[in-house]
Amino acid sequence: MPTRRRTPLTRDRALRCAVELADAEGLDAVTMRNLAGRLGVVPMALYKHVANKEDLLDGMVDVLVAAIVPPDPHQPWKDAVRGTVLDARRMIERHPWARSAIETRTRRTPTVLRYMDALAGTFLAAGFSADLTHHVMHALGHRIWGFSPEAFDAPDEPDAATPPADPAQAEDMVAQMSRSYPSITAITLATIDGDLTRLGEGCDEDFEFTFALDLLLDAVERLRDARWSSQPR
């Protein structure tokens, strides 16, 4: 009876398996021992393809970044950048652990640099100066990876965002908040259209992300057209 051939262990196979492990069990579950067990090899076999945990995380990020749709040079620059950044956003939504992995990376791999270069090149090809493109990339910041620091992240304690079930208590809570934090209360009520039964609802993060992205792209377009420069003239 013929023996079944085992799929050879390669770096790519190890990295993709690590991504699957993180998707299934979270980033904390991605250890060299757990990954080796999932691959059916001894941990030492992994070290022939992955130097250490940091190299593993760098490689996992590379797998995801390499799959982001690059800017289409045949599209208008704004559509091309928007399409790529929103595809990065969809990547983050499919792999929620990727945000913390990206935020903790200290090394820019060739895959990461190629992605950044493609975005920067799109601005340059659209007539942005190298000076303005530098500042645009800073302004976009983590948005190029599909996420952004939020001013209104949900609190860690689930009960902290739970509104009172009693409408009268909800009104009292809003009145107290309004006395202490009138501006925050005003924008919170605007978000829920004044409907106190919706207190505690989170923001539409996809809408807020796209709103900020479009705002930035419209603004930098005006700077380009005005031939803006950070250097004194």
Foldseek 3Di string as FASTA:
>chain_A
DDDDDQDDDALVVLLVLLLVVCLVPNNVCRALCNSCVVSVHHSVVCCVHAVHPLSSLVSNLLVLLLPQDFFDLVDQLLVRQLNRLVSLQVSCVSRVRNVVSVVPRPDQDPSNVVRVCRNLVSCVVNQADNQLSVVLCVVCPCSSNNDDDDPDDDDPDLVVQDADPDPVSLVVVLVVCCVVPVVVSVVQCVQVVNPSVCGSDDHPRSVVSSVSSVVSVVVSVVCSVVVDGPDDD
